[in-house]
Amino acid sequence: MYFEDFEIGQEFRVENVKITKERILSFAADYDPLPIHLDEEYAKTTGFGGLIAPGVMSFMLVWAEYVRLNIWGEALVAGKRTDITWHCPVYAGDVLRSVATISDKRKKNTTGTLEVTVHVYNQNDQLVISDVSELVLKCRHKNE
């Protein structure tokens, strides 16, 4: 889909994502080796009461589903920005569902920028992550 094909308010949904302990440990070992993500005994002593998933991992597992859906297709030029907010911890066993909404769009000659707002909820319908990303897409026509 080209820039012109998207409308503000348009929504997209993907398959739910299950967070596993194995994914938490593997990702944390490579990219976020904090004890809250790797050491179960330590994590039990924190206000979280147990291991929590790295926030970036949780968001990227959901975002990967949108990438696989290939909404933007060959019109995608690049990502421009992302702004992630974590509202609640994500634990092993949590199932995350999300909705992505086109929240703004701005045209600039042969490309346009889409602002995509993603809200991610756990199985208890708690908002765990919100993100605003900007994507640069090709325009079908220069002067529309």
N, C-alpha and C. Protein backbone atom coordinates (compact mmCIF):
# COMPACT_ATOMS: atom_id res chain seq x y z
N MET A 1 0.85 -1.18 0.00
CA MET A 1 0.00 0.00 0.00
C MET A 1 0.89 1.24 0.00
N TYR A 2 0.49 2.21 -0.75
CA TYR A 2 1.21 3.47 -0.81
C TYR A 2 0.67 4.43 0.25
N PHE A 3 1.40 5.52 0.45
CA PHE A 3 1.02 6.52 1.44
C PHE A 3 -0.44 6.93 1.29
N GLU A 4 -0.87 7.16 0.05
CA GLU A 4 -2.24 7.65 -0.19
C GLU A 4 -3.31 6.63 0.20
N ASP A 5 -2.94 5.37 0.29
CA ASP A 5 -3.92 4.31 0.59
C ASP A 5 -4.30 4.24 2.07
N PHE A 6 -3.57 4.93 2.91
CA PHE A 6 -3.83 4.88 4.35
C PHE A 6 -4.68 6.06 4.78
N GLU A 7 -5.55 5.82 5.75
CA GLU A 7 -6.42 6.86 6.29
C GLU A 7 -6.21 6.98 7.79
N ILE A 8 -6.25 8.19 8.30
CA ILE A 8 -6.17 8.39 9.75
C ILE A 8 -7.34 7.65 10.39
N GLY A 9 -7.06 6.92 11.44
CA GLY A 9 -8.07 6.13 12.14
C GLY A 9 -8.13 4.68 11.68
N GLN A 10 -7.51 4.36 10.57
CA GLN A 10 -7.49 2.99 10.06
C GLN A 10 -6.75 2.10 11.06
N GLU A 11 -7.33 0.91 11.33
CA GLU A 11 -6.76 0.00 12.32
C GLU A 11 -6.29 -1.30 11.68
N PHE A 12 -5.27 -1.88 12.30
CA PHE A 12 -4.74 -3.17 11.90
C PHE A 12 -4.52 -4.01 13.14
N ARG A 13 -4.76 -5.31 13.02
CA ARG A 13 -4.54 -6.23 14.13
C ARG A 13 -3.75 -7.42 13.61
N VAL A 14 -3.01 -8.03 14.51
CA VAL A 14 -2.20 -9.20 14.17
C VAL A 14 -2.49 -10.32 15.17
N GLU A 15 -1.89 -11.47 14.91
CA GLU A 15 -2.02 -12.59 15.83
C GLU A 15 -1.45 -12.22 17.21
N ASN A 16 -2.02 -12.81 18.25
CA ASN A 16 -1.49 -12.60 19.59
C ASN A 16 -0.10 -13.21 19.71
N VAL A 17 0.67 -12.68 20.63
CA VAL A 17 2.04 -13.15 20.86
C VAL A 17 2.13 -13.68 22.29
N LYS A 18 2.64 -14.89 22.45
CA LYS A 18 2.84 -15.46 23.79
C LYS A 18 4.29 -15.25 24.20
N ILE A 19 4.47 -14.77 25.41
CA ILE A 19 5.79 -14.53 25.96
C ILE A 19 6.21 -15.78 26.75
N THR A 20 7.36 -16.32 26.40
CA THR A 20 7.84 -17.52 27.10
C THR A 20 9.06 -17.18 27.94
N LYS A 21 9.27 -17.97 28.96
CA LYS A 21 10.44 -17.80 29.82
C LYS A 21 11.72 -17.98 28.99
N GLU A 22 11.70 -18.93 28.08
CA GLU A 22 12.88 -19.18 27.25
C GLU A 22 13.24 -17.95 26.41
N ARG A 23 12.23 -17.30 25.86
CA ARG A 23 12.49 -16.08 25.07
C ARG A 23 13.04 -14.97 25.95
N ILE A 24 12.47 -14.83 27.14
CA ILE A 24 12.94 -13.80 28.07
C ILE A 24 14.42 -14.02 28.38
N LEU A 25 14.76 -15.23 28.77
CA LEU A 25 16.14 -15.53 29.16
C LEU A 25 17.11 -15.38 27.99
N SER A 26 16.71 -15.84 26.82
CA SER A 26 17.59 -15.76 25.66
C SER A 26 17.82 -14.32 25.24
N PHE A 27 16.75 -13.55 25.11
CA PHE A 27 16.88 -12.15 24.71
C PHE A 27 17.68 -11.37 25.74
N ALA A 28 17.33 -11.56 27.02
CA ALA A 28 18.00 -10.81 28.08
C ALA A 28 19.49 -11.13 28.12
N ALA A 29 19.84 -12.39 27.94
CA ALA A 29 21.25 -12.78 27.97
C ALA A 29 22.04 -12.04 26.88
N ASP A 30 21.42 -11.87 25.72
CA ASP A 30 22.11 -11.21 24.60
C ASP A 30 22.02 -9.69 24.62
N TYR A 31 20.88 -9.14 25.05
CA TYR A 31 20.65 -7.71 24.83
C TYR A 31 20.29 -6.88 26.06
N ASP A 32 19.88 -7.50 27.14
CA ASP A 32 19.44 -6.74 28.31
C ASP A 32 19.72 -7.55 29.57
N PRO A 33 21.00 -7.81 29.86
CA PRO A 33 21.36 -8.75 30.92
C PRO A 33 21.22 -8.19 32.34
N LEU A 34 20.05 -7.69 32.64
CA LEU A 34 19.77 -7.22 34.00
C LEU A 34 19.26 -8.39 34.84
N PRO A 35 19.53 -8.40 36.13
CA PRO A 35 19.05 -9.49 36.99
C PRO A 35 17.52 -9.65 36.98
N ILE A 36 16.79 -8.58 36.79
CA ILE A 36 15.32 -8.68 36.78
C ILE A 36 14.81 -9.53 35.62
N HIS A 37 15.66 -9.70 34.59
CA HIS A 37 15.30 -10.52 33.43
C HIS A 37 15.95 -11.89 33.44
N LEU A 38 16.99 -12.07 34.26
CA LEU A 38 17.79 -13.30 34.19
C LEU A 38 17.83 -14.13 35.48
N ASP A 39 17.68 -13.49 36.62
CA ASP A 39 17.88 -14.17 37.90
C ASP A 39 16.55 -14.29 38.64
N GLU A 40 15.98 -15.49 38.61
CA GLU A 40 14.65 -15.69 39.21
C GLU A 40 14.63 -15.40 40.70
N GLU A 41 15.67 -15.80 41.41
CA GLU A 41 15.70 -15.57 42.86
C GLU A 41 15.75 -14.07 43.16
N TYR A 42 16.59 -13.36 42.44
CA TYR A 42 16.64 -11.92 42.62
C TYR A 42 15.30 -11.28 42.27
N ALA A 43 14.74 -11.68 41.13
CA ALA A 43 13.49 -11.08 40.66
C ALA A 43 12.36 -11.25 41.67
N LYS A 44 12.36 -12.34 42.41
CA LYS A 44 11.33 -12.58 43.43
C LYS A 44 11.41 -11.55 44.55
N THR A 45 12.58 -10.97 44.76
CA THR A 45 12.75 -10.00 45.85
C THR A 45 12.37 -8.58 45.44
N THR A 46 12.03 -8.38 44.18
CA THR A 46 11.69 -7.04 43.69
C THR A 46 10.19 -6.81 43.77
N GLY A 47 9.79 -5.61 43.50
CA GLY A 47 8.37 -5.27 43.47
C GLY A 47 7.60 -5.99 42.37
N PHE A 48 8.32 -6.57 41.41
CA PHE A 48 7.66 -7.31 40.33
C PHE A 48 7.33 -8.73 40.74
N GLY A 49 8.02 -9.26 41.75
CA GLY A 49 7.71 -10.59 42.27
C GLY A 49 8.20 -11.74 41.41
N GLY A 50 8.88 -11.46 40.34
CA GLY A 50 9.38 -12.52 39.46
C GLY A 50 10.02 -11.92 38.23
N LEU A 51 10.55 -12.80 37.39
CA LEU A 51 11.18 -12.36 36.14
C LEU A 51 10.19 -11.57 35.29
N ILE A 52 10.68 -10.49 34.72
CA ILE A 52 9.87 -9.75 33.75
C ILE A 52 10.61 -9.75 32.41
N ALA A 53 9.84 -9.63 31.36
CA ALA A 53 10.40 -9.60 30.01
C ALA A 53 11.05 -8.24 29.75
N PRO A 54 12.16 -8.23 29.04
CA PRO A 54 12.70 -6.93 28.61
C PRO A 54 11.66 -6.19 27.77
N GLY A 55 11.50 -4.92 28.04
CA GLY A 55 10.46 -4.15 27.36
C GLY A 55 10.63 -4.10 25.86
N VAL A 56 11.85 -3.90 25.40
CA VAL A 56 12.09 -3.83 23.96
C VAL A 56 11.73 -5.16 23.31
N MET A 57 12.07 -6.27 23.97
CA MET A 57 11.73 -7.59 23.43
C MET A 57 10.21 -7.72 23.28
N SER A 58 9.48 -7.34 24.31
CA SER A 58 8.02 -7.47 24.28
C SER A 58 7.44 -6.69 23.11
N PHE A 59 7.91 -5.45 22.94
CA PHE A 59 7.39 -4.66 21.83
C PHE A 59 7.80 -5.25 20.48
N MET A 60 9.06 -5.64 20.35
CA MET A 60 9.54 -6.14 19.05
C MET A 60 8.86 -7.44 18.64
N LEU A 61 8.48 -8.29 19.59
CA LEU A 61 7.75 -9.51 19.23
C LEU A 61 6.40 -9.16 18.62
N VAL A 62 5.77 -8.13 19.15
CA VAL A 62 4.48 -7.68 18.58
C VAL A 62 4.74 -6.98 17.23
N TRP A 63 5.71 -6.07 17.19
CA TRP A 63 5.99 -5.33 15.96
C TRP A 63 6.34 -6.28 14.81
N ALA A 64 7.05 -7.35 15.12
CA ALA A 64 7.42 -8.33 14.09
C ALA A 64 6.18 -8.92 13.41
N GLU A 65 5.09 -9.04 14.13
CA GLU A 65 3.85 -9.55 13.53
C GLU A 65 3.29 -8.57 12.50
N TYR A 66 3.42 -7.27 12.77
CA TYR A 66 2.99 -6.27 11.79
C TYR A 66 3.89 -6.29 10.56
N VAL A 67 5.18 -6.47 10.79
CA VAL A 67 6.12 -6.57 9.66
C VAL A 67 5.76 -7.78 8.80
N ARG A 68 5.48 -8.91 9.43
CA ARG A 68 5.10 -10.12 8.68
C ARG A 68 3.80 -9.93 7.91
N LEU A 69 2.88 -9.13 8.46
CA LEU A 69 1.63 -8.85 7.77
C LEU A 69 1.88 -8.07 6.49
N ASN A 70 3.00 -7.33 6.44
CA ASN A 70 3.44 -6.60 5.25
C ASN A 70 2.41 -5.59 4.77
N ILE A 71 1.89 -4.83 5.69
CA ILE A 71 0.86 -3.83 5.38
C ILE A 71 1.36 -2.81 4.37
N TRP A 72 2.58 -2.35 4.56
CA TRP A 72 3.11 -1.26 3.74
C TRP A 72 3.73 -1.77 2.44
N GLY A 73 4.04 -3.06 2.39
CA GLY A 73 4.59 -3.66 1.18
C GLY A 73 5.85 -2.97 0.70
N GLU A 74 5.98 -2.89 -0.61
CA GLU A 74 7.19 -2.31 -1.22
C GLU A 74 7.23 -0.79 -1.14
N ALA A 75 6.17 -0.19 -0.63
CA ALA A 75 6.15 1.26 -0.49
C ALA A 75 6.96 1.75 0.70
N LEU A 76 7.28 0.85 1.63
CA LEU A 76 8.04 1.26 2.81
C LEU A 76 9.46 1.68 2.41
N VAL A 77 9.82 2.91 2.79
CA VAL A 77 11.16 3.41 2.54
C VAL A 77 12.03 3.15 3.78
N ALA A 78 11.53 3.55 4.95
CA ALA A 78 12.32 3.40 6.18
C ALA A 78 11.47 3.74 7.40
N GLY A 79 11.93 3.25 8.53
CA GLY A 79 11.38 3.73 9.79
C GLY A 79 12.08 5.03 10.13
N LYS A 80 11.35 5.94 10.76
CA LYS A 80 11.92 7.26 11.06
C LYS A 80 12.11 7.46 12.57
N ARG A 81 11.17 6.93 13.35
CA ARG A 81 11.22 7.17 14.80
C ARG A 81 10.29 6.18 15.48
N THR A 82 10.61 5.87 16.73
CA THR A 82 9.68 5.11 17.57
C THR A 82 9.80 5.63 18.99
N ASP A 83 8.68 5.67 19.67
CA ASP A 83 8.63 6.18 21.04
C ASP A 83 7.79 5.20 21.85
N ILE A 84 8.48 4.35 22.62
CA ILE A 84 7.81 3.28 23.36
C ILE A 84 7.62 3.71 24.81
N THR A 85 6.42 3.44 25.34
CA THR A 85 6.13 3.64 26.75
C THR A 85 5.68 2.31 27.33
N TRP A 86 6.28 1.92 28.44
CA TRP A 86 5.90 0.69 29.13
C TRP A 86 5.05 1.05 30.32
N HIS A 87 3.86 0.45 30.38
CA HIS A 87 2.89 0.78 31.43
C HIS A 87 2.86 -0.26 32.55
N CYS A 88 3.01 -1.53 32.20
CA CYS A 88 2.96 -2.63 33.16
C CYS A 88 3.99 -3.67 32.75
N PRO A 89 4.50 -4.43 33.71
CA PRO A 89 5.46 -5.48 33.35
C PRO A 89 4.80 -6.60 32.55
N VAL A 90 5.63 -7.26 31.77
CA VAL A 90 5.21 -8.44 31.01
C VAL A 90 5.96 -9.64 31.59
N TYR A 91 5.21 -10.70 31.86
CA TYR A 91 5.75 -11.90 32.49
C TYR A 91 5.70 -13.08 31.53
N ALA A 92 6.50 -14.10 31.82
CA ALA A 92 6.41 -15.35 31.08
C ALA A 92 4.99 -15.89 31.20
N GLY A 93 4.44 -16.33 30.09
CA GLY A 93 3.08 -16.83 30.06
C GLY A 93 2.06 -15.79 29.62
N ASP A 94 2.43 -14.53 29.65
CA ASP A 94 1.51 -13.49 29.18
C ASP A 94 1.26 -13.64 27.69
N VAL A 95 0.04 -13.32 27.30
CA VAL A 95 -0.34 -13.32 25.89
C VAL A 95 -0.68 -11.88 25.54
N LEU A 96 0.04 -11.35 24.55
CA LEU A 96 -0.11 -9.95 24.16
C LEU A 96 -0.93 -9.82 22.89
N ARG A 97 -1.92 -8.94 22.94
CA ARG A 97 -2.69 -8.60 21.74
C ARG A 97 -2.50 -7.12 21.49
N SER A 98 -2.67 -6.74 20.24
CA SER A 98 -2.39 -5.34 19.92
C SER A 98 -3.30 -4.83 18.82
N VAL A 99 -3.35 -3.52 18.77
CA VAL A 99 -4.03 -2.83 17.67
C VAL A 99 -3.13 -1.68 17.25
N ALA A 100 -2.92 -1.56 15.95
CA ALA A 100 -2.14 -0.46 15.38
C ALA A 100 -3.10 0.46 14.65
N THR A 101 -2.99 1.74 14.91
CA THR A 101 -3.88 2.73 14.31
C THR A 101 -3.05 3.79 13.59
N ILE A 102 -3.46 4.13 12.38
CA ILE A 102 -2.83 5.26 11.68
C ILE A 102 -3.31 6.52 12.40
N SER A 103 -2.39 7.18 13.08
CA SER A 103 -2.78 8.32 13.91
C SER A 103 -2.47 9.68 13.28
N ASP A 104 -1.64 9.67 12.24
CA ASP A 104 -1.37 10.92 11.53
C ASP A 104 -0.68 10.58 10.21
N LYS A 105 -0.73 11.48 9.27
CA LYS A 105 -0.01 11.31 8.00
C LYS A 105 0.35 12.67 7.45
N ARG A 106 1.57 12.76 6.89
CA ARG A 106 2.07 14.01 6.33
C ARG A 106 2.78 13.70 5.03
N LYS A 107 2.39 14.43 3.98
CA LYS A 107 2.97 14.22 2.65
C LYS A 107 4.14 15.17 2.44
N LYS A 108 5.17 14.66 1.75
CA LYS A 108 6.33 15.48 1.43
C LYS A 108 6.82 15.07 0.05
N ASN A 109 6.29 15.67 -0.99
CA ASN A 109 6.68 15.43 -2.37
C ASN A 109 6.48 13.97 -2.78
N THR A 110 7.55 13.19 -2.90
CA THR A 110 7.42 11.81 -3.40
C THR A 110 7.27 10.78 -2.29
N THR A 111 7.33 11.23 -1.03
CA THR A 111 7.13 10.33 0.11
C THR A 111 6.15 10.95 1.08
N GLY A 112 5.72 10.15 2.00
CA GLY A 112 4.86 10.63 3.08
C GLY A 112 5.24 9.91 4.35
N THR A 113 4.93 10.53 5.47
CA THR A 113 5.21 9.92 6.77
C THR A 113 3.90 9.51 7.41
N LEU A 114 3.83 8.24 7.77
CA LEU A 114 2.69 7.72 8.53
C LEU A 114 3.09 7.65 9.99
N GLU A 115 2.23 8.12 10.85
CA GLU A 115 2.40 7.92 12.28
C GLU A 115 1.49 6.76 12.66
N VAL A 116 2.08 5.73 13.26
CA VAL A 116 1.35 4.53 13.64
C VAL A 116 1.41 4.40 15.15
N THR A 117 0.25 4.37 15.79
CA THR A 117 0.18 4.19 17.24
C THR A 117 -0.23 2.75 17.52
N VAL A 118 0.57 2.08 18.32
CA VAL A 118 0.31 0.69 18.66
C VAL A 118 0.04 0.60 20.16
N HIS A 119 -1.08 -0.01 20.50
CA HIS A 119 -1.40 -0.31 21.90
C HIS A 119 -1.35 -1.81 22.08
N VAL A 120 -0.63 -2.24 23.12
CA VAL A 120 -0.45 -3.66 23.41
C VAL A 120 -1.05 -3.96 24.78
N TYR A 121 -1.88 -4.99 24.82
CA TYR A 121 -2.58 -5.39 26.05
C TYR A 121 -2.22 -6.82 26.41
N ASN A 122 -2.22 -7.12 27.71
CA ASN A 122 -2.02 -8.51 28.11
C ASN A 122 -3.37 -9.23 28.16
N GLN A 123 -3.33 -10.49 28.58
CA GLN A 123 -4.54 -11.32 28.60
C GLN A 123 -5.58 -10.81 29.60
N ASN A 124 -5.20 -9.90 30.49
CA ASN A 124 -6.14 -9.30 31.45
C ASN A 124 -6.64 -7.95 30.98
N ASP A 125 -6.41 -7.64 29.71
CA ASP A 125 -6.80 -6.37 29.10
C ASP A 125 -6.13 -5.16 29.73
N GLN A 126 -4.97 -5.36 30.35
CA GLN A 126 -4.19 -4.24 30.87
C GLN A 126 -3.30 -3.71 29.75
N LEU A 127 -3.28 -2.40 29.60
CA LEU A 127 -2.36 -1.79 28.65
C LEU A 127 -0.95 -1.98 29.18
N VAL A 128 -0.10 -2.67 28.43
CA VAL A 128 1.27 -2.90 28.88
C VAL A 128 2.28 -2.06 28.11
N ILE A 129 1.98 -1.77 26.85
CA ILE A 129 2.90 -1.00 26.02
C ILE A 129 2.09 -0.08 25.10
N SER A 130 2.57 1.13 24.93
CA SER A 130 2.06 1.97 23.85
C SER A 130 3.28 2.49 23.09
N ASP A 131 3.11 2.63 21.80
CA ASP A 131 4.22 3.05 20.96
C ASP A 131 3.69 3.95 19.86
N VAL A 132 4.46 4.96 19.53
CA VAL A 132 4.17 5.79 18.37
C VAL A 132 5.40 5.70 17.47
N SER A 133 5.19 5.19 16.28
CA SER A 133 6.28 5.07 15.30
C SER A 133 5.94 5.89 14.08
N GLU A 134 6.98 6.37 13.41
CA GLU A 134 6.80 7.05 12.13
C GLU A 134 7.49 6.23 11.06
N LEU A 135 6.78 6.02 9.96
CA LEU A 135 7.29 5.28 8.82
C LEU A 135 7.24 6.15 7.59
N VAL A 136 8.28 6.12 6.79
CA VAL A 136 8.31 6.86 5.53
C VAL A 136 7.90 5.90 4.42
N LEU A 137 6.88 6.29 3.65
CA LEU A 137 6.38 5.48 2.55
C LEU A 137 6.43 6.26 1.25
N LYS A 138 6.57 5.52 0.17
CA LYS A 138 6.49 6.12 -1.17
C LYS A 138 5.07 6.57 -1.43
N CYS A 139 4.96 7.66 -2.15
CA CYS A 139 3.66 8.12 -2.63
C CYS A 139 3.43 7.57 -4.03
N ARG A 140 2.20 7.32 -4.35
CA ARG A 140 1.85 6.85 -5.68
C ARG A 140 2.05 7.98 -6.71
N HIS A 141 1.64 9.20 -6.28
CA HIS A 141 1.74 10.37 -7.16
C HIS A 141 2.43 11.48 -6.40
N LYS A 142 3.25 12.25 -7.10
CA LYS A 142 3.97 13.35 -6.46
C LYS A 142 3.04 14.46 -5.96
N ASN A 143 2.05 14.81 -6.72
CA ASN A 143 1.25 15.99 -6.42
C ASN A 143 -0.19 15.68 -6.07
N GLU A 144 -0.42 14.82 -5.16
CA GLU A 144 -1.79 14.52 -4.72
C GLU A 144 -2.08 15.20 -3.44
